[in-house]
Amino acid sequence: GYRIAQVRVIFSIPPKAVPKLFPSTFQPPQHLAYVEWFSPFCVPNRDHGLHKVLRIIKNGERMASIIPISNIRCSAHLIPHFGPVAP
């Protein structure tokens, strides 16, 4: 299934660094993304049909990964939930 993540940066590993980081039998993807994960989809809200997701926090840190950009399927709009007073 699909998961929601926020792309924080897209980058490439410099060619000179590849042999120092990976075995010679492995060729890393050319473009990578550092992403921070959100919770899995839940049942849509019955009033507006939108899914509620939250950032995944573990031990006070945001859960993050480095993934090939080919794993990114599409963009999504996330709308923040404001309290009684918007910042």
N, C-alpha and C. Protein backbone atom coordinates (compact mmCIF):
# COMPACT_ATOMS: atom_id res chain seq x y z
N GLY A 1 0.81 -1.20 0.00
CA GLY A 1 0.00 0.00 0.00
C GLY A 1 0.85 1.25 0.00
N TYR A 2 0.15 2.35 -0.05
CA TYR A 2 0.82 3.64 -0.06
C TYR A 2 0.97 4.19 1.35
N ARG A 3 1.99 5.00 1.55
CA ARG A 3 2.23 5.69 2.82
C ARG A 3 2.43 7.16 2.50
N ILE A 4 2.19 7.99 3.49
CA ILE A 4 2.38 9.44 3.31
C ILE A 4 3.70 9.83 3.97
N ALA A 5 4.47 10.61 3.24
CA ALA A 5 5.73 11.14 3.76
C ALA A 5 5.92 12.56 3.25
N GLN A 6 6.64 13.35 4.01
CA GLN A 6 7.00 14.69 3.57
C GLN A 6 8.43 14.64 3.05
N VAL A 7 8.60 15.04 1.80
CA VAL A 7 9.95 15.08 1.21
C VAL A 7 10.65 16.32 1.76
N ARG A 8 11.77 16.11 2.41
CA ARG A 8 12.53 17.22 2.99
C ARG A 8 13.66 17.67 2.07
N VAL A 9 14.26 16.70 1.34
CA VAL A 9 15.34 17.07 0.41
C VAL A 9 15.50 15.94 -0.61
N ILE A 10 15.84 16.33 -1.83
CA ILE A 10 16.19 15.38 -2.89
C ILE A 10 17.67 15.58 -3.17
N PHE A 11 18.42 14.47 -3.27
CA PHE A 11 19.87 14.59 -3.44
C PHE A 11 20.43 13.41 -4.21
N SER A 12 21.68 13.54 -4.59
CA SER A 12 22.44 12.46 -5.23
C SER A 12 23.72 12.24 -4.43
N ILE A 13 24.22 11.03 -4.46
CA ILE A 13 25.50 10.73 -3.82
C ILE A 13 26.59 11.02 -4.85
N PRO A 14 27.58 11.83 -4.51
CA PRO A 14 28.64 12.13 -5.48
C PRO A 14 29.32 10.84 -5.95
N PRO A 15 29.61 10.72 -7.24
CA PRO A 15 30.23 9.50 -7.77
C PRO A 15 31.49 9.07 -7.03
N LYS A 16 32.31 10.03 -6.58
CA LYS A 16 33.54 9.69 -5.86
C LYS A 16 33.26 9.03 -4.51
N ALA A 17 32.07 9.30 -3.93
CA ALA A 17 31.73 8.74 -2.61
C ALA A 17 31.11 7.35 -2.70
N VAL A 18 30.57 6.99 -3.86
CA VAL A 18 29.87 5.70 -4.00
C VAL A 18 30.76 4.51 -3.61
N PRO A 19 32.02 4.40 -4.09
CA PRO A 19 32.84 3.25 -3.70
C PRO A 19 33.16 3.19 -2.21
N LYS A 20 33.14 4.35 -1.53
CA LYS A 20 33.42 4.37 -0.10
C LYS A 20 32.21 3.96 0.73
N LEU A 21 31.01 4.11 0.16
CA LEU A 21 29.79 3.85 0.91
C LEU A 21 29.12 2.52 0.58
N PHE A 22 29.38 1.98 -0.61
CA PHE A 22 28.68 0.79 -1.06
C PHE A 22 29.65 -0.23 -1.63
N PRO A 23 29.30 -1.53 -1.56
CA PRO A 23 30.15 -2.55 -2.18
C PRO A 23 30.16 -2.38 -3.70
N SER A 24 31.20 -2.85 -4.35
CA SER A 24 31.35 -2.67 -5.80
C SER A 24 30.24 -3.35 -6.59
N THR A 25 29.55 -4.31 -5.98
CA THR A 25 28.48 -5.03 -6.68
C THR A 25 27.15 -4.29 -6.63
N PHE A 26 27.08 -3.17 -5.90
CA PHE A 26 25.83 -2.44 -5.75
C PHE A 26 25.94 -1.06 -6.37
N GLN A 27 24.99 -0.71 -7.20
CA GLN A 27 24.93 0.64 -7.78
C GLN A 27 23.71 1.35 -7.18
N PRO A 28 23.92 2.37 -6.33
CA PRO A 28 22.78 3.04 -5.70
C PRO A 28 21.98 3.84 -6.73
N PRO A 29 20.71 4.12 -6.42
CA PRO A 29 19.91 4.96 -7.32
C PRO A 29 20.58 6.33 -7.49
N GLN A 30 20.37 6.93 -8.63
CA GLN A 30 21.01 8.22 -8.90
C GLN A 30 20.42 9.34 -8.03
N HIS A 31 19.10 9.31 -7.84
CA HIS A 31 18.45 10.36 -7.06
C HIS A 31 17.73 9.74 -5.86
N LEU A 32 17.95 10.33 -4.70
CA LEU A 32 17.38 9.86 -3.45
C LEU A 32 16.60 10.99 -2.78
N ALA A 33 15.69 10.62 -1.89
CA ALA A 33 14.92 11.62 -1.14
C ALA A 33 14.99 11.28 0.34
N TYR A 34 15.17 12.30 1.15
CA TYR A 34 15.07 12.17 2.61
C TYR A 34 13.63 12.52 2.95
N VAL A 35 12.89 11.58 3.54
CA VAL A 35 11.48 11.79 3.83
C VAL A 35 11.18 11.58 5.31
N GLU A 36 10.16 12.27 5.81
CA GLU A 36 9.67 12.08 7.16
C GLU A 36 8.27 11.49 7.06
N TRP A 37 8.01 10.44 7.82
CA TRP A 37 6.81 9.63 7.67
C TRP A 37 5.63 10.13 8.50
N PHE A 38 4.43 9.86 7.96
CA PHE A 38 3.17 10.11 8.64
C PHE A 38 2.51 8.76 8.93
N SER A 39 1.52 8.79 9.80
CA SER A 39 0.80 7.56 10.18
C SER A 39 0.07 6.98 8.97
N PRO A 40 -0.25 5.68 9.03
CA PRO A 40 -1.02 5.08 7.94
C PRO A 40 -2.40 5.73 7.83
N PHE A 41 -3.03 5.56 6.66
CA PHE A 41 -4.38 6.07 6.44
C PHE A 41 -5.34 5.45 7.44
N CYS A 42 -6.31 6.22 7.89
CA CYS A 42 -7.37 5.68 8.73
C CYS A 42 -8.68 5.83 7.95
N VAL A 43 -9.77 5.49 8.58
CA VAL A 43 -11.08 5.64 7.95
C VAL A 43 -11.33 7.12 7.69
N PRO A 44 -11.82 7.50 6.49
CA PRO A 44 -12.07 8.92 6.22
C PRO A 44 -13.13 9.48 7.18
N ASN A 45 -12.99 10.75 7.49
CA ASN A 45 -13.96 11.45 8.34
C ASN A 45 -15.31 11.46 7.64
N ARG A 46 -16.37 11.16 8.38
CA ARG A 46 -17.69 11.05 7.75
C ARG A 46 -18.25 12.40 7.32
N ASP A 47 -17.78 13.50 7.91
CA ASP A 47 -18.30 14.83 7.55
C ASP A 47 -17.69 15.38 6.26
N HIS A 48 -16.39 15.17 6.08
CA HIS A 48 -15.74 15.77 4.91
C HIS A 48 -15.00 14.76 4.03
N GLY A 49 -14.89 13.51 4.45
CA GLY A 49 -14.28 12.48 3.61
C GLY A 49 -12.77 12.49 3.55
N LEU A 50 -12.14 13.33 4.38
CA LEU A 50 -10.67 13.40 4.38
C LEU A 50 -10.09 12.43 5.41
N HIS A 51 -8.88 11.97 5.14
CA HIS A 51 -8.16 11.08 6.05
C HIS A 51 -7.37 11.93 7.04
N LYS A 52 -7.30 11.49 8.28
CA LYS A 52 -6.48 12.17 9.29
C LYS A 52 -5.17 11.41 9.42
N VAL A 53 -4.06 12.10 9.30
CA VAL A 53 -2.74 11.49 9.48
C VAL A 53 -1.95 12.35 10.46
N LEU A 54 -1.02 11.73 11.13
CA LEU A 54 -0.15 12.41 12.09
C LEU A 54 1.30 12.05 11.79
N ARG A 55 2.21 12.96 12.14
CA ARG A 55 3.63 12.63 12.01
C ARG A 55 3.95 11.46 12.94
N ILE A 56 4.80 10.57 12.48
CA ILE A 56 5.23 9.46 13.35
C ILE A 56 6.44 9.96 14.15
N ILE A 57 6.29 9.94 15.46
CA ILE A 57 7.34 10.38 16.38
C ILE A 57 7.73 9.18 17.23
N LYS A 58 9.01 8.88 17.32
CA LYS A 58 9.49 7.78 18.16
C LYS A 58 10.65 8.32 18.99
N ASN A 59 10.55 8.15 20.30
CA ASN A 59 11.57 8.67 21.23
C ASN A 59 11.83 10.15 21.01
N GLY A 60 10.77 10.90 20.71
CA GLY A 60 10.89 12.34 20.52
C GLY A 60 11.46 12.77 19.18
N GLU A 61 11.73 11.84 18.30
CA GLU A 61 12.31 12.14 16.98
C GLU A 61 11.33 11.76 15.87
N ARG A 62 11.30 12.55 14.81
CA ARG A 62 10.48 12.22 13.66
C ARG A 62 11.06 11.00 12.95
N MET A 63 10.19 10.07 12.57
CA MET A 63 10.64 8.90 11.82
C MET A 63 10.95 9.33 10.40
N ALA A 64 12.12 8.95 9.92
CA ALA A 64 12.57 9.39 8.61
C ALA A 64 13.30 8.26 7.90
N SER A 65 13.40 8.38 6.58
CA SER A 65 14.10 7.40 5.76
C SER A 65 14.71 8.08 4.56
N ILE A 66 15.65 7.39 3.95
CA ILE A 66 16.18 7.80 2.64
C ILE A 66 15.67 6.76 1.66
N ILE A 67 14.96 7.24 0.64
CA ILE A 67 14.34 6.34 -0.34
C ILE A 67 14.70 6.77 -1.76
N PRO A 68 14.70 5.85 -2.73
CA PRO A 68 14.88 6.25 -4.13
C PRO A 68 13.67 7.08 -4.56
N ILE A 69 13.89 8.14 -5.33
CA ILE A 69 12.74 8.94 -5.75
C ILE A 69 11.79 8.16 -6.65
N SER A 70 12.26 7.06 -7.22
CA SER A 70 11.36 6.22 -8.03
C SER A 70 10.27 5.59 -7.17
N ASN A 71 10.45 5.58 -5.83
CA ASN A 71 9.42 5.05 -4.93
C ASN A 71 8.32 6.06 -4.63
N ILE A 72 8.51 7.31 -5.05
CA ILE A 72 7.50 8.34 -4.82
C ILE A 72 6.47 8.26 -5.94
N ARG A 73 5.20 8.07 -5.57
CA ARG A 73 4.15 7.85 -6.57
C ARG A 73 3.44 9.13 -6.99
N CYS A 74 3.08 9.98 -6.04
CA CYS A 74 2.36 11.21 -6.37
C CYS A 74 2.44 12.18 -5.20
N SER A 75 2.04 13.41 -5.45
CA SER A 75 2.03 14.41 -4.39
C SER A 75 0.66 14.40 -3.72
N ALA A 76 0.60 14.95 -2.53
CA ALA A 76 -0.66 15.06 -1.79
C ALA A 76 -0.65 16.37 -1.02
N HIS A 77 -1.80 16.95 -0.86
CA HIS A 77 -1.93 18.17 -0.07
C HIS A 77 -2.30 17.78 1.35
N LEU A 78 -1.55 18.26 2.32
CA LEU A 78 -1.85 18.03 3.73
C LEU A 78 -2.29 19.36 4.32
N ILE A 79 -3.42 19.34 5.03
CA ILE A 79 -3.98 20.55 5.62
C ILE A 79 -3.77 20.47 7.12
N PRO A 80 -3.11 21.47 7.72
CA PRO A 80 -2.88 21.40 9.17
C PRO A 80 -4.17 21.55 9.96
N HIS A 81 -4.22 20.93 11.12
CA HIS A 81 -5.34 21.08 12.04
C HIS A 81 -4.96 22.16 13.03
N PHE A 82 -5.62 23.31 12.92
CA PHE A 82 -5.33 24.42 13.83
C PHE A 82 -6.21 24.33 15.06
N GLY A 83 -5.72 24.83 16.16
CA GLY A 83 -6.52 24.92 17.37
C GLY A 83 -7.46 26.12 17.28
N PRO A 84 -7.93 26.60 18.42
CA PRO A 84 -8.88 27.70 18.40
C PRO A 84 -8.29 29.01 17.84
N VAL A 85 -6.94 29.10 17.88
CA VAL A 85 -6.28 30.30 17.34
C VAL A 85 -5.21 29.84 16.37
N ALA A 86 -5.27 30.31 15.12
CA ALA A 86 -4.26 29.96 14.12
C ALA A 86 -2.98 30.73 14.42
N PRO A 87 -1.80 30.08 14.26
CA PRO A 87 -0.53 30.78 14.54
C PRO A 87 -0.27 31.87 13.51
